[in-house]
Amino acid sequence: DTMTIKRLNLIPKVSEDVLSAVSKSDPIIVLSGHAGTGKTIILLQAANYLMSRGKKCLFLTYNIALLSDLKHTIQYVSEMNAPEMKSMHQFFIAYLAKNGLWGSSKDINNDFLDAVSKLNSAFISKGKITTKFDYVLVDEAQDWTKPLIDALKGICQKSNSQIVIADGIDQFMQRADQPEWGMSSLPQFKVCRRQCRNLTVFAKAFAAKMGVAWDVLPNEDLVGGKVIVTNAYDLDMHNKYMTECTKHGG
């Protein structure tokens, strides 16, 4: 839709703070922020910048549906250097299978983490597994567990590769606590890049009423947005706003 294209077209426009962070030689670069602050877009900005300078980049995400959506939508972005993209499971299972720790009898829900732990102790920790990428960029890093973090750190350390992660504060889907990746390399991202200004103002006020801390600022560059509160479904109203939304690319 129009909003998605607007957000994606920001990718080539790399901010100076992101440039500064990813240009450091730190083994792990942490970018953090609440839901809606554009961490995925900023991570793609970093990949675009690094690849334009000849670096090999891998983009990893926990969510397979998100990965598929990103692969499709970045085709619409001009001047975009697209990194190689994989799910976290695809990345590790390739190593597991190559080293005899994964097969058709294995179950992704019950056997995966144990297999990654064995891979780490038997191969990764001994420096026997490397990656061809200069940078590994991790989206949804808040959902990674310790065996996965340790394994990726081990692979990248042996390969002299840097890790750049997007850490979603309080966006836990697979776990309930914050994993140990390291300290944030930048101040938390706070400006909402997901929705128009008025929607952010409403959501922020509603969150405050519900006692939820959502420390996000409205984006003054994304003007507009309308919230309608009603106690009954109105088909005419529905059709009216659906037509308006479609007309404007929603």
Protein backbone atom coordinates (compact mmCIF):
# COMPACT_ATOMS: atom_id res chain seq x y z
CA ASP A 1 0.00 0.00 0.00
CA THR A 2 0.97 3.68 -0.13
CA MET A 3 2.25 3.82 3.47
CA THR A 4 4.43 0.75 2.96
CA ILE A 5 5.97 2.20 -0.18
CA LYS A 6 6.62 5.53 1.60
CA ARG A 7 8.43 3.73 4.42
CA LEU A 8 10.45 1.52 2.10
CA ASN A 9 11.51 4.46 -0.05
CA LEU A 10 13.25 5.83 3.04
CA ILE A 11 15.74 2.95 2.87
CA PRO A 12 18.39 4.64 0.71
CA LYS A 13 18.24 7.74 2.94
CA VAL A 14 20.59 6.60 5.68
CA SER A 15 20.64 8.76 8.80
CA GLU A 16 23.99 9.96 10.14
CA ASP A 17 23.57 8.23 13.51
CA VAL A 18 23.00 4.86 11.84
CA LEU A 19 26.00 5.43 9.56
CA SER A 20 28.14 6.21 12.57
CA ALA A 21 26.98 3.13 14.47
CA VAL A 22 27.47 0.59 11.69
CA SER A 23 30.83 2.07 10.75
CA LYS A 24 32.28 1.15 14.13
CA SER A 25 34.36 -1.99 14.55
CA ASP A 26 32.26 -3.26 17.47
CA PRO A 27 31.50 -7.00 17.13
CA ILE A 28 27.83 -6.35 18.01
CA ILE A 29 25.89 -3.18 17.13
CA VAL A 30 22.54 -2.88 18.92
CA LEU A 31 19.68 -0.74 17.57
CA SER A 32 16.65 -0.61 19.88
CA GLY A 33 13.17 0.84 20.08
CA HIS A 34 9.50 0.14 20.80
CA ALA A 35 7.07 -1.29 18.25
CA GLY A 36 6.45 1.00 15.30
CA THR A 37 9.70 2.98 15.44
CA GLY A 38 11.01 1.60 12.14
CA LYS A 39 13.72 -0.77 13.32
CA THR A 40 13.29 -3.12 10.37
CA ILE A 41 13.53 -0.23 7.89
CA ILE A 42 16.59 1.13 9.70
CA LEU A 43 18.20 -2.32 9.59
CA LEU A 44 17.59 -2.44 5.84
CA GLN A 45 19.07 1.07 5.61
CA ALA A 46 22.21 -0.27 7.26
CA ALA A 47 22.38 -3.21 4.86
CA ASN A 48 21.90 -0.93 1.87
CA TYR A 49 24.69 1.37 3.08
CA LEU A 50 27.12 -1.46 3.83
CA MET A 51 26.52 -3.26 0.53
CA SER A 52 27.03 -0.03 -1.42
CA ARG A 53 30.54 -0.13 0.07
CA GLY A 54 31.23 -3.68 -1.05
CA LYS A 55 30.29 -5.52 2.15
CA LYS A 56 28.52 -8.88 2.06
CA CYS A 57 25.37 -8.77 4.20
CA LEU A 58 22.95 -11.41 5.50
CA PHE A 59 19.55 -10.36 6.89
CA LEU A 60 18.01 -12.77 9.44
CA THR A 61 14.53 -12.64 10.93
CA TYR A 62 12.60 -14.90 13.29
CA ASN A 63 9.29 -14.38 11.48
CA ILE A 64 9.06 -16.30 8.17
CA ALA A 65 5.96 -14.37 7.07
CA LEU A 66 7.80 -11.06 7.60
CA LEU A 67 10.75 -12.39 5.61
CA SER A 68 8.52 -13.27 2.67
CA ASP A 69 6.81 -9.88 2.81
CA LEU A 70 10.12 -8.00 2.91
CA LYS A 71 11.52 -9.94 -0.06
CA HIS A 72 8.45 -8.98 -2.06
CA THR A 73 8.15 -5.33 -1.07
CA ILE A 74 11.80 -4.27 -1.42
CA GLN A 75 11.44 -4.94 -5.14
CA TYR A 76 9.53 -1.64 -5.28
CA VAL A 77 12.39 0.38 -3.84
CA SER A 78 14.67 2.15 -6.28
CA GLU A 79 18.43 2.19 -5.56
CA MET A 80 18.08 -0.66 -3.08
CA ASN A 81 20.98 -3.05 -2.45
CA ALA A 82 19.09 -6.12 -1.29
CA PRO A 83 20.97 -8.37 1.18
CA GLU A 84 20.69 -12.13 1.19
CA MET A 85 17.67 -12.90 3.39
CA LYS A 86 16.94 -16.00 5.48
CA SER A 87 14.89 -17.01 8.47
CA MET A 88 16.82 -17.77 11.63
CA HIS A 89 15.77 -21.44 11.33
CA GLN A 90 16.95 -21.69 7.71
CA PHE A 91 20.32 -20.24 8.70
CA PHE A 92 21.04 -22.69 11.52
CA ILE A 93 19.44 -25.79 9.97
CA ALA A 94 21.84 -25.52 7.02
CA TYR A 95 24.76 -25.81 9.47
CA LEU A 96 23.02 -28.53 11.49
CA ALA A 97 22.34 -30.68 8.43
CA LYS A 98 25.87 -30.23 7.08
CA ASN A 99 27.31 -31.46 10.39
CA GLY A 100 24.98 -34.44 10.85
CA LEU A 101 22.81 -32.89 13.57
CA TRP A 102 19.59 -32.54 11.59
CA GLY A 103 17.43 -34.84 9.47
CA SER A 104 13.85 -35.76 8.57
CA SER A 105 13.29 -37.32 12.00
CA LYS A 106 13.93 -34.02 13.79
CA ASP A 107 11.11 -31.77 14.97
CA ILE A 108 11.53 -28.00 14.74
CA ASN A 109 9.56 -27.37 17.94
CA ASN A 110 11.16 -30.01 20.16
CA ASP A 111 14.65 -30.66 18.78
CA PHE A 112 15.90 -27.38 17.32
CA LEU A 113 17.37 -25.58 20.34
CA ASP A 114 19.03 -28.74 21.64
CA ALA A 115 20.57 -29.36 18.22
CA VAL A 116 21.91 -25.76 18.05
CA SER A 117 23.43 -26.21 21.54
CA LYS A 118 25.19 -29.38 20.34
CA LEU A 119 26.39 -27.59 17.21
CA ASN A 120 27.84 -24.84 19.38
CA SER A 121 29.67 -27.13 21.79
CA ALA A 122 30.95 -29.57 19.15
CA PHE A 123 31.80 -27.27 16.25
CA ILE A 124 31.21 -23.53 16.68
CA SER A 125 33.04 -23.09 19.99
CA LYS A 126 36.04 -24.89 18.47
CA GLY A 127 36.16 -22.44 15.55
CA LYS A 128 35.17 -25.03 12.91
CA ILE A 129 32.22 -23.10 11.44
CA THR A 130 32.44 -19.76 9.66
CA THR A 131 30.28 -17.51 7.48
CA LYS A 132 31.09 -15.71 4.22
CA PHE A 133 29.26 -12.53 5.31
CA ASP A 134 30.95 -9.38 6.60
CA TYR A 135 27.77 -8.35 8.44
CA VAL A 136 24.86 -10.37 9.80
CA LEU A 137 21.81 -8.19 10.47
CA VAL A 138 19.24 -9.64 12.88
CA ASP A 139 15.65 -8.43 13.02
CA GLU A 140 13.40 -9.30 15.99
CA ALA A 141 16.47 -10.04 18.09
CA GLN A 142 14.39 -9.87 21.28
CA ASP A 143 13.00 -13.34 20.47
CA TRP A 144 16.35 -15.11 20.28
CA THR A 145 17.27 -17.45 23.12
CA LYS A 146 20.73 -17.92 24.63
CA PRO A 147 21.77 -21.00 22.56
CA LEU A 148 20.97 -19.12 19.35
CA ILE A 149 22.77 -15.95 20.46
CA ASP A 150 25.84 -17.89 21.60
CA ALA A 151 25.95 -19.83 18.33
CA LEU A 152 25.68 -16.75 16.11
CA LYS A 153 28.27 -14.87 18.17
CA GLY A 154 30.63 -17.84 17.87
CA ILE A 155 30.24 -18.11 14.10
CA CYS A 156 30.72 -14.37 13.55
CA GLN A 157 33.66 -14.10 15.95
CA LYS A 158 35.55 -16.84 14.07
CA SER A 159 34.70 -15.15 10.74
CA ASN A 160 35.57 -11.60 11.87
CA SER A 161 31.98 -10.70 10.98
CA GLN A 162 29.96 -7.99 12.72
CA ILE A 163 26.43 -8.43 14.02
CA VAL A 164 23.84 -5.64 13.78
CA ILE A 165 20.61 -6.32 15.67
CA ALA A 166 17.21 -4.66 15.89
CA ASP A 167 16.01 -5.11 19.47
CA GLY A 168 12.26 -4.62 19.92
CA ILE A 169 11.68 -3.41 23.48
CA ASP A 170 8.71 -5.28 25.00
CA GLN A 171 7.92 -6.93 21.64
CA PHE A 172 8.29 -10.45 22.96
CA MET A 173 6.60 -13.17 20.89
CA GLN A 174 8.70 -16.24 21.66
CA ARG A 175 9.96 -15.35 25.15
CA ALA A 176 9.09 -13.15 28.13
CA ASP A 177 12.44 -11.62 29.09
CA GLN A 178 15.15 -9.55 27.45
CA PRO A 179 18.01 -11.61 25.95
CA GLU A 180 21.65 -10.67 26.47
CA TRP A 181 22.95 -9.23 23.21
CA GLY A 182 24.76 -6.22 24.65
CA MET A 183 24.25 -2.52 25.26
CA SER A 184 22.45 -0.36 22.70
CA SER A 185 24.85 1.43 20.32
CA LEU A 186 22.42 4.33 19.82
CA PRO A 187 19.71 6.05 21.87
CA GLN A 188 16.40 4.22 21.55
CA PHE A 189 14.42 5.04 18.41
CA LYS A 190 11.26 6.85 19.50
CA VAL A 191 9.64 8.42 16.41
CA CYS A 192 6.82 6.30 14.99
CA ARG A 193 7.40 5.28 11.37
CA ARG A 194 4.52 2.82 11.10
CA GLN A 195 1.45 5.05 11.13
CA CYS A 196 0.21 8.60 10.59
CA ARG A 197 0.58 11.26 13.26
CA ASN A 198 -3.02 11.29 14.55
CA LEU A 199 -3.12 7.51 14.97
CA THR A 200 0.07 7.63 17.03
CA VAL A 201 -1.35 10.39 19.26
CA PHE A 202 -4.51 8.33 19.85
CA ALA A 203 -2.60 5.08 20.51
CA LYS A 204 -0.25 6.85 22.92
CA ALA A 205 -3.19 8.39 24.84
CA PHE A 206 -5.02 5.06 24.94
CA ALA A 207 -1.91 3.24 26.17
CA ALA A 208 -1.50 5.83 28.95
CA LYS A 209 -5.15 5.30 30.02
CA MET A 210 -4.51 1.55 30.18
CA GLY A 211 -1.33 2.03 32.21
CA VAL A 212 0.94 0.84 29.39
CA ALA A 213 4.23 2.67 28.83
CA TRP A 214 4.55 3.25 25.08
CA ASP A 215 7.32 5.79 24.79
CA VAL A 216 6.82 6.66 21.11
CA LEU A 217 6.62 10.10 19.48
CA PRO A 218 4.28 11.06 16.60
CA ASN A 219 5.93 11.44 13.22
CA GLU A 220 5.26 15.00 12.06
CA ASP A 221 6.20 14.03 8.50
CA LEU A 222 3.34 11.49 8.29
CA VAL A 223 0.38 13.84 8.64
CA GLY A 224 -3.25 12.75 8.96
CA GLY A 225 -4.93 9.67 10.32
CA LYS A 226 -8.47 9.36 11.68
CA VAL A 227 -9.87 7.42 14.63
CA ILE A 228 -13.62 6.74 14.87
CA VAL A 229 -15.06 5.39 18.11
CA THR A 230 -18.57 3.93 17.87
CA ASN A 231 -20.69 1.54 19.90
CA ALA A 232 -22.45 -0.02 16.89
CA TYR A 233 -21.42 -1.31 13.48
CA ASP A 234 -22.56 0.95 10.63
CA LEU A 235 -22.33 -0.55 7.13
CA ASP A 236 -22.71 2.81 5.38
CA MET A 237 -19.87 4.29 7.44
CA HIS A 238 -17.75 1.21 6.73
CA ASN A 239 -18.29 1.50 2.97
CA LYS A 240 -17.63 5.25 3.01
CA TYR A 241 -14.24 4.97 4.69
CA MET A 242 -13.27 1.83 2.79
CA THR A 243 -13.82 3.75 -0.45
CA GLU A 244 -11.74 6.69 0.86
CA CYS A 245 -8.96 4.39 2.00
CA THR A 246 -8.83 2.61 -1.36
CA LYS A 247 -8.85 5.93 -3.22
CA HIS A 248 -5.76 7.09 -1.31
CA GLY A 249 -3.82 3.86 -1.79
CA GLY A 250 -4.67 2.11 1.49
